[in-house]
Amino acid sequence: PLIIGPQVLCPNETVELATDMPYASYEWSDNEQDSILITDQVGSYSVLVTDEFGCTGTAEYELNAAQQLDLILDFPTLVCPEDNADIEASAGFMTYEWSTGDSTAMITVPGPGDYELTVTSPEGCVQSTNLTIAPQDVLAPAITGDDLCPGGVVTLVAAAGYEDYTWGDGTTGSQLEINVAGTYTLAATDANNCSVSATYEVDALTAPQVKIIGAALKCKN
């Protein structure tokens, strides 16, 4: 007889060992008597078989442990909401199957989300893992300012603590002087290097209508 089966046992898996042809009876080294032996242990196995004529034969088989490859992922746990992120898996695997459809060790994903990876080792062992990339908390800069009187000028002021303030007209800095009512936009970069934006509405005030009143004077002749 001849025992057939995989050469290696992958972690947390079971394998089947069987003979190359059917026999009348089987007695495996662990006292199992089925035609197929299912095991999750590495080591030496043997089987004693008896054919239909009462003749016996034995066979031995060595089941080795597969090489253990650690699956390690390198990725940022936080990214800006609008930014992409790179995820890199450890080398040495035969195949990489990402939930994104990619099949390389390193991929670029479109920002925060949940991602899964399944890899296959050169010996056919399969591992799966998942990861989460969370979005950085971002806060738009607060803008303060007054409504605009006719012919007047207003200064809009953005909150401190940001970098690279750029107003919609291209003006840079945290302050913008305006003389026209309307909606004004601001783009800035926060402390985590995330892009943030804000808008501010400046209303036009109406000039007061002033009327001078007084008693009419009448001269005496």
C-alpha atoms as a PDB file:
ATOM      1  CA  PRO A   1       0.000   0.000   0.000  1.00  0.00           C
ATOM      2  CA  LEU A   2       0.909   3.665  -0.351  1.00  0.00           C
ATOM      3  CA  ILE A   3      -0.331   6.523   1.842  1.00  0.00           C
ATOM      4  CA  ILE A   4      -1.231   9.658  -0.036  1.00  0.00           C
ATOM      5  CA  GLY A   5      -1.871  13.136   1.387  1.00  0.00           C
ATOM      6  CA  PRO A   6      -0.371  16.615   1.677  1.00  0.00           C
ATOM      7  CA  GLN A   7       3.295  16.946   2.546  1.00  0.00           C
ATOM      8  CA  VAL A   8       2.739  19.626   5.173  1.00  0.00           C
ATOM      9  CA  LEU A   9       0.130  20.595   7.738  1.00  0.00           C
ATOM     10  CA  CYS A  10      -0.887  24.255   7.810  1.00  0.00           C
ATOM     11  CA  PRO A  11      -1.591  25.944  11.163  1.00  0.00           C
ATOM     12  CA  ASN A  12      -5.115  25.409  12.518  1.00  0.00           C
ATOM     13  CA  GLU A  13      -6.037  23.024   9.709  1.00  0.00           C
ATOM     14  CA  THR A  14      -6.765  19.312   9.323  1.00  0.00           C
ATOM     15  CA  VAL A  15      -5.639  16.983   6.536  1.00  0.00           C
ATOM     16  CA  GLU A  16      -6.791  13.648   5.159  1.00  0.00           C
ATOM     17  CA  LEU A  17      -4.508  10.648   4.733  1.00  0.00           C
ATOM     18  CA  ALA A  18      -5.657   7.726   2.627  1.00  0.00           C
ATOM     19  CA  THR A  19      -4.248   4.707   0.802  1.00  0.00           C
ATOM     20  CA  ASP A  20      -3.719   4.669  -2.925  1.00  0.00           C
ATOM     21  CA  MET A  21      -6.333   1.942  -3.412  1.00  0.00           C
ATOM     22  CA  PRO A  22      -9.196   0.382  -1.422  1.00  0.00           C
ATOM     23  CA  TYR A  23      -8.684  -2.528   0.969  1.00  0.00           C
ATOM     24  CA  ALA A  24     -10.920  -4.767   3.026  1.00  0.00           C
ATOM     25  CA  SER A  25      -9.758  -3.350   6.362  1.00  0.00           C
ATOM     26  CA  TYR A  26      -7.508  -0.648   7.789  1.00  0.00           C
ATOM     27  CA  GLU A  27      -5.733  -0.143  11.070  1.00  0.00           C
ATOM     28  CA  TRP A  28      -3.945   3.175  11.454  1.00  0.00           C
ATOM     29  CA  SER A  29      -1.222   3.886  13.978  1.00  0.00           C
ATOM     30  CA  ASP A  30      -3.707   5.851  16.126  1.00  0.00           C
ATOM     31  CA  ASN A  31      -6.083   2.827  16.076  1.00  0.00           C
ATOM     32  CA  GLU A  32      -8.505   4.418  13.622  1.00  0.00           C
ATOM     33  CA  GLN A  33     -10.044   1.843  11.272  1.00  0.00           C
ATOM     34  CA  ASP A  34     -11.585   4.011   8.586  1.00  0.00           C
ATOM     35  CA  SER A  35     -10.195   4.141   5.072  1.00  0.00           C
ATOM     36  CA  ILE A  36      -9.386   7.836   5.548  1.00  0.00           C
ATOM     37  CA  LEU A  37      -7.508   9.260   8.512  1.00  0.00           C
ATOM     38  CA  ILE A  38      -8.265  12.884   9.448  1.00  0.00           C
ATOM     39  CA  THR A  39      -5.651  14.557  11.612  1.00  0.00           C
ATOM     40  CA  ASP A  40      -4.525  17.951  12.835  1.00  0.00           C
ATOM     41  CA  GLN A  41      -1.192  16.738  14.216  1.00  0.00           C
ATOM     42  CA  VAL A  42       2.193  16.503  12.528  1.00  0.00           C
ATOM     43  CA  GLY A  43       4.284  13.364  12.930  1.00  0.00           C
ATOM     44  CA  SER A  44       4.769   9.821  11.640  1.00  0.00           C
ATOM     45  CA  TYR A  45       1.758   7.765  10.581  1.00  0.00           C
ATOM     46  CA  SER A  46       1.440   4.129   9.527  1.00  0.00           C
ATOM     47  CA  VAL A  47      -1.366   1.904   8.350  1.00  0.00           C
ATOM     48  CA  LEU A  48      -1.857  -1.868   8.315  1.00  0.00           C
ATOM     49  CA  VAL A  49      -4.207  -2.974   5.556  1.00  0.00           C
ATOM     50  CA  THR A  50      -5.792  -6.333   4.737  1.00  0.00           C
ATOM     51  CA  ASP A  51      -7.036  -7.141   1.247  1.00  0.00           C
ATOM     52  CA  GLU A  52      -9.962  -9.345   0.260  1.00  0.00           C
ATOM     53  CA  PHE A  53      -7.738 -12.408   0.269  1.00  0.00           C
ATOM     54  CA  GLY A  54      -6.504 -11.860   3.799  1.00  0.00           C
ATOM     55  CA  CYS A  55      -3.078 -10.627   2.785  1.00  0.00           C
ATOM     56  CA  THR A  56      -1.663  -7.733   4.808  1.00  0.00           C
ATOM     57  CA  GLY A  57       0.647  -4.842   4.076  1.00  0.00           C
ATOM     58  CA  THR A  58       1.925  -1.749   5.827  1.00  0.00           C
ATOM     59  CA  ALA A  59       2.896   1.764   4.802  1.00  0.00           C
ATOM     60  CA  GLU A  60       4.350   4.758   6.614  1.00  0.00           C
ATOM     61  CA  TYR A  61       3.939   8.492   6.084  1.00  0.00           C
ATOM     62  CA  GLU A  62       5.643  11.583   7.520  1.00  0.00           C
ATOM     63  CA  LEU A  63       3.494  14.700   7.932  1.00  0.00           C
ATOM     64  CA  ASN A  64       5.551  17.841   8.530  1.00  0.00           C
ATOM     65  CA  ALA A  65       4.554  21.266   9.817  1.00  0.00           C
ATOM     66  CA  ALA A  66       4.327  23.998   7.217  1.00  0.00           C
ATOM     67  CA  GLN A  67       6.692  26.935   7.519  1.00  0.00           C
ATOM     68  CA  GLN A  68       5.088  29.604   9.662  1.00  0.00           C
ATOM     69  CA  LEU A  69       4.960  32.972   7.882  1.00  0.00           C
ATOM     70  CA  ASP A  70       3.825  35.911   9.974  1.00  0.00           C
ATOM     71  CA  LEU A  71       1.373  38.204   8.229  1.00  0.00           C
ATOM     72  CA  ILE A  72       2.235  41.755   9.282  1.00  0.00           C
ATOM     73  CA  LEU A  73       0.503  44.881   8.000  1.00  0.00           C
ATOM     74  CA  ASP A  74       1.978  48.367   7.960  1.00  0.00           C
ATOM     75  CA  PHE A  75      -0.639  51.111   7.664  1.00  0.00           C
ATOM     76  CA  PRO A  76      -1.730  54.400   9.251  1.00  0.00           C
ATOM     77  CA  THR A  77      -4.511  54.045  11.797  1.00  0.00           C
ATOM     78  CA  LEU A  78      -5.741  57.591  11.118  1.00  0.00           C
ATOM     79  CA  VAL A  79      -5.839  59.597   7.897  1.00  0.00           C
ATOM     80  CA  CYS A  80      -7.453  62.818   6.777  1.00  0.00           C
ATOM     81  CA  PRO A  81     -10.986  62.192   5.460  1.00  0.00           C
ATOM     82  CA  GLU A  82     -10.089  63.101   1.877  1.00  0.00           C
ATOM     83  CA  ASP A  83      -6.622  61.497   1.774  1.00  0.00           C
ATOM     84  CA  ASN A  84      -5.500  58.157   0.333  1.00  0.00           C
ATOM     85  CA  ALA A  85      -3.557  55.686   2.492  1.00  0.00           C
ATOM     86  CA  ASP A  86      -0.902  53.057   1.752  1.00  0.00           C
ATOM     87  CA  ILE A  87      -1.166  49.560   3.242  1.00  0.00           C
ATOM     88  CA  GLU A  88       1.771  47.164   2.964  1.00  0.00           C
ATOM     89  CA  ALA A  89       1.715  43.456   3.843  1.00  0.00           C
ATOM     90  CA  SER A  90       4.802  41.449   4.736  1.00  0.00           C
ATOM     91  CA  ALA A  91       6.639  39.738   1.880  1.00  0.00           C
ATOM     92  CA  GLY A  92       7.043  36.008   1.257  1.00  0.00           C
ATOM     93  CA  PHE A  93       3.539  34.968   0.285  1.00  0.00           C
ATOM     94  CA  MET A  94       2.581  33.541  -3.096  1.00  0.00           C
ATOM     95  CA  THR A  95      -0.701  35.403  -3.472  1.00  0.00           C
ATOM     96  CA  TYR A  96      -2.370  38.476  -1.968  1.00  0.00           C
ATOM     97  CA  GLU A  97      -6.123  39.010  -2.278  1.00  0.00           C
ATOM     98  CA  TRP A  98      -7.454  42.316  -0.940  1.00  0.00           C
ATOM     99  CA  SER A  99     -11.099  43.208  -0.457  1.00  0.00           C
ATOM    100  CA  THR A 100     -10.420  46.077  -2.864  1.00  0.00           C
ATOM    101  CA  GLY A 101      -9.631  43.597  -5.662  1.00  0.00           C
ATOM    102  CA  ASP A 102      -5.894  44.320  -5.591  1.00  0.00           C
ATOM    103  CA  SER A 103      -3.396  41.466  -5.692  1.00  0.00           C
ATOM    104  CA  THR A 104      -0.073  43.027  -4.674  1.00  0.00           C
ATOM    105  CA  ALA A 105       1.654  43.222  -1.292  1.00  0.00           C
ATOM    106  CA  MET A 106       1.305  47.012  -1.162  1.00  0.00           C
ATOM    107  CA  ILE A 107      -1.851  48.872  -2.123  1.00  0.00           C
ATOM    108  CA  THR A 108      -3.237  52.400  -1.959  1.00  0.00           C
ATOM    109  CA  VAL A 109      -6.774  52.793  -0.643  1.00  0.00           C
ATOM    110  CA  PRO A 110      -9.079  55.800  -0.908  1.00  0.00           C
ATOM    111  CA  GLY A 111      -8.916  56.921   2.682  1.00  0.00           C
ATOM    112  CA  PRO A 112     -10.686  55.676   5.814  1.00  0.00           C
ATOM    113  CA  GLY A 113     -12.532  52.350   5.806  1.00  0.00           C
ATOM    114  CA  ASP A 114     -12.453  48.635   6.585  1.00  0.00           C
ATOM    115  CA  TYR A 115     -10.168  46.395   4.518  1.00  0.00           C
ATOM    116  CA  GLU A 116      -9.499  42.646   4.411  1.00  0.00           C
ATOM    117  CA  LEU A 117      -6.548  40.629   3.117  1.00  0.00           C
ATOM    118  CA  THR A 118      -6.194  36.908   2.374  1.00  0.00           C
ATOM    119  CA  VAL A 119      -2.742  35.491   1.613  1.00  0.00           C
ATOM    120  CA  THR A 120      -1.455  32.101   0.506  1.00  0.00           C
ATOM    121  CA  SER A 121       1.998  30.850   1.457  1.00  0.00           C
ATOM    122  CA  PRO A 122       4.316  28.943  -0.919  1.00  0.00           C
ATOM    123  CA  GLU A 123       3.161  25.725   0.790  1.00  0.00           C
ATOM    124  CA  GLY A 124      -0.504  26.547   0.240  1.00  0.00           C
ATOM    125  CA  CYS A 125      -1.402  27.752   3.728  1.00  0.00           C
ATOM    126  CA  VAL A 126      -4.072  30.474   3.816  1.00  0.00           C
ATOM    127  CA  GLN A 127      -4.287  33.348   6.294  1.00  0.00           C
ATOM    128  CA  SER A 128      -6.785  36.185   6.504  1.00  0.00           C
ATOM    129  CA  THR A 129      -6.793  39.425   8.442  1.00  0.00           C
ATOM    130  CA  ASN A 130      -8.669  42.713   8.453  1.00  0.00           C
ATOM    131  CA  LEU A 131      -7.919  46.271   9.440  1.00  0.00           C
ATOM    132  CA  THR A 132      -9.623  49.586   9.980  1.00  0.00           C
ATOM    133  CA  ILE A 133      -8.324  53.009   9.010  1.00  0.00           C
ATOM    134  CA  ALA A 134     -10.222  55.718  10.868  1.00  0.00           C
ATOM    135  CA  PRO A 135     -10.691  59.336   9.768  1.00  0.00           C
ATOM    136  CA  GLN A 136      -8.904  62.132  11.575  1.00  0.00           C
ATOM    137  CA  ASP A 137     -11.247  64.483  13.408  1.00  0.00           C
ATOM    138  CA  VAL A 138     -11.333  67.759  11.521  1.00  0.00           C
ATOM    139  CA  LEU A 139     -12.844  71.085  12.533  1.00  0.00           C
ATOM    140  CA  ALA A 140     -13.501  73.884  10.098  1.00  0.00           C
ATOM    141  CA  PRO A 141     -12.036  77.235  11.167  1.00  0.00           C
ATOM    142  CA  ALA A 142     -14.586  79.622  12.660  1.00  0.00           C
ATOM    143  CA  ILE A 143     -14.850  82.971  10.862  1.00  0.00           C
ATOM    144  CA  THR A 144     -16.053  86.149  12.519  1.00  0.00           C
ATOM    145  CA  GLY A 145     -16.987  89.479  10.967  1.00  0.00           C
ATOM    146  CA  ASP A 146     -19.651  92.166  10.748  1.00  0.00           C
ATOM    147  CA  ASP A 147     -22.281  92.961   8.156  1.00  0.00           C
ATOM    148  CA  LEU A 148     -21.347  95.640   5.669  1.00  0.00           C
ATOM    149  CA  CYS A 149     -22.536  99.209   5.814  1.00  0.00           C
ATOM    150  CA  PRO A 150     -22.859 101.080   2.509  1.00  0.00           C
ATOM    151  CA  GLY A 151     -19.442 102.329   1.484  1.00  0.00           C
ATOM    152  CA  GLY A 152     -17.852 100.601   4.455  1.00  0.00           C
ATOM    153  CA  VAL A 153     -15.125  98.031   4.933  1.00  0.00           C
ATOM    154  CA  VAL A 154     -15.282  94.831   7.023  1.00  0.00           C
ATOM    155  CA  THR A 155     -12.470  92.568   8.180  1.00  0.00           C
ATOM    156  CA  LEU A 156     -13.153  88.823   8.334  1.00  0.00           C
ATOM    157  CA  VAL A 157     -11.037  86.957  10.884  1.00  0.00           C
ATOM    158  CA  ALA A 158     -10.469  83.180  10.891  1.00  0.00           C
ATOM    159  CA  ALA A 159      -9.736  81.329  14.127  1.00  0.00           C
ATOM    160  CA  ALA A 160      -6.119  80.749  15.082  1.00  0.00           C
ATOM    161  CA  GLY A 161      -4.469  77.319  15.140  1.00  0.00           C
ATOM    162  CA  TYR A 162      -4.440  76.573  11.430  1.00  0.00           C
ATOM    163  CA  GLU A 163      -1.838  76.870   8.690  1.00  0.00           C
ATOM    164  CA  ASP A 164      -1.881  78.007   5.068  1.00  0.00           C
ATOM    165  CA  TYR A 165      -5.002  80.165   5.180  1.00  0.00           C
ATOM    166  CA  THR A 166      -6.160  80.869   1.623  1.00  0.00           C
ATOM    167  CA  TRP A 167      -9.328  82.855   0.869  1.00  0.00           C
ATOM    168  CA  GLY A 168     -11.426  82.339  -2.221  1.00  0.00           C
ATOM    169  CA  ASP A 169      -9.881  85.337  -4.009  1.00  0.00           C
ATOM    170  CA  GLY A 170      -6.365  84.015  -3.414  1.00  0.00           C
ATOM    171  CA  THR A 171      -5.589  86.207  -0.431  1.00  0.00           C
ATOM    172  CA  THR A 172      -3.468  84.430   2.173  1.00  0.00           C
ATOM    173  CA  GLY A 173      -3.488  84.918   5.929  1.00  0.00           C
ATOM    174  CA  SER A 174      -6.111  84.580   8.631  1.00  0.00           C
ATOM    175  CA  GLN A 175      -7.747  87.950   7.867  1.00  0.00           C
ATOM    176  CA  LEU A 176      -9.536  89.298   4.815  1.00  0.00           C
ATOM    177  CA  GLU A 177     -10.618  92.909   4.289  1.00  0.00           C
ATOM    178  CA  ILE A 178     -13.707  93.289   2.103  1.00  0.00           C
ATOM    179  CA  ASN A 179     -15.980  96.066   0.859  1.00  0.00           C
ATOM    180  CA  VAL A 180     -18.557  93.951  -0.996  1.00  0.00           C
ATOM    181  CA  ALA A 181     -21.297  91.839   0.607  1.00  0.00           C
ATOM    182  CA  GLY A 182     -21.540  88.144  -0.320  1.00  0.00           C
ATOM    183  CA  THR A 183     -20.292  84.640   0.508  1.00  0.00           C
ATOM    184  CA  TYR A 184     -16.607  84.210   1.252  1.00  0.00           C
ATOM    185  CA  THR A 185     -14.723  80.907   1.353  1.00  0.00           C
ATOM    186  CA  LEU A 186     -11.583  79.922   3.206  1.00  0.00           C
ATOM    187  CA  ALA A 187      -9.307  76.882   2.836  1.00  0.00           C
ATOM    188  CA  ALA A 188      -6.776  76.001   5.523  1.00  0.00           C
ATOM    189  CA  THR A 189      -4.635  73.179   6.884  1.00  0.00           C
ATOM    190  CA  ASP A 190      -5.100  71.946  10.443  1.00  0.00           C
ATOM    191  CA  ALA A 191      -2.531  70.615  12.906  1.00  0.00           C
ATOM    192  CA  ASN A 192      -2.849  67.083  11.452  1.00  0.00           C
ATOM    193  CA  ASN A 193      -2.135  68.423   7.953  1.00  0.00           C
ATOM    194  CA  CYS A 194      -5.747  67.834   6.929  1.00  0.00           C
ATOM    195  CA  SER A 195      -7.419  70.237   4.520  1.00  0.00           C
ATOM    196  CA  VAL A 196     -10.413  72.077   5.979  1.00  0.00           C
ATOM    197  CA  SER A 197     -12.710  74.746   4.590  1.00  0.00           C
ATOM    198  CA  ALA A 198     -15.311  77.235   5.786  1.00  0.00           C
ATOM    199  CA  THR A 199     -17.685  79.811   4.349  1.00  0.00           C
ATOM    200  CA  TYR A 200     -18.985  83.077   5.749  1.00  0.00           C
ATOM    201  CA  GLU A 201     -21.906  85.181   4.590  1.00  0.00           C
ATOM    202  CA  VAL A 202     -21.612  88.959   4.785  1.00  0.00           C
ATOM    203  CA  ASP A 203     -24.912  90.791   4.475  1.00  0.00           C
ATOM    204  CA  ALA A 204     -25.292  94.300   3.116  1.00  0.00           C
ATOM    205  CA  LEU A 205     -26.903  96.752   5.495  1.00  0.00           C
ATOM    206  CA  THR A 206     -29.210  99.495   4.266  1.00  0.00           C
ATOM    207  CA  ALA A 207     -28.255 103.082   4.946  1.00  0.00           C
ATOM    208  CA  PRO A 208     -30.681 104.779   7.326  1.00  0.00           C
ATOM    209  CA  GLN A 209     -33.089 107.284   5.774  1.00  0.00           C
ATOM    210  CA  VAL A 210     -32.722 110.523   7.721  1.00  0.00           C
ATOM    211  CA  LYS A 211     -35.374 113.225   7.585  1.00  0.00           C
ATOM    212  CA  ILE A 212     -34.968 116.539   9.401  1.00  0.00           C
ATOM    213  CA  ILE A 213     -38.118 118.047  10.697  1.00  0.00           C
ATOM    214  CA  GLY A 214     -38.802 121.423  12.364  1.00  0.00           C
ATOM    215  CA  ALA A 215     -41.388 124.180  12.744  1.00  0.00           C
ATOM    216  CA  ALA A 216     -41.757 126.660   9.938  1.00  0.00           C
ATOM    217  CA  LEU A 217     -41.017 130.255  10.887  1.00  0.00           C
ATOM    218  CA  LYS A 218     -43.358 133.139  10.014  1.00  0.00           C
ATOM    219  CA  CYS A 219     -42.121 136.675  10.087  1.00  0.00           C
ATOM    220  CA  LYS A 220     -44.318 139.584  11.332  1.00  0.00           C
ATOM    221  CA  ASN A 221     -44.795 142.669   9.136  1.00  0.00           C
END
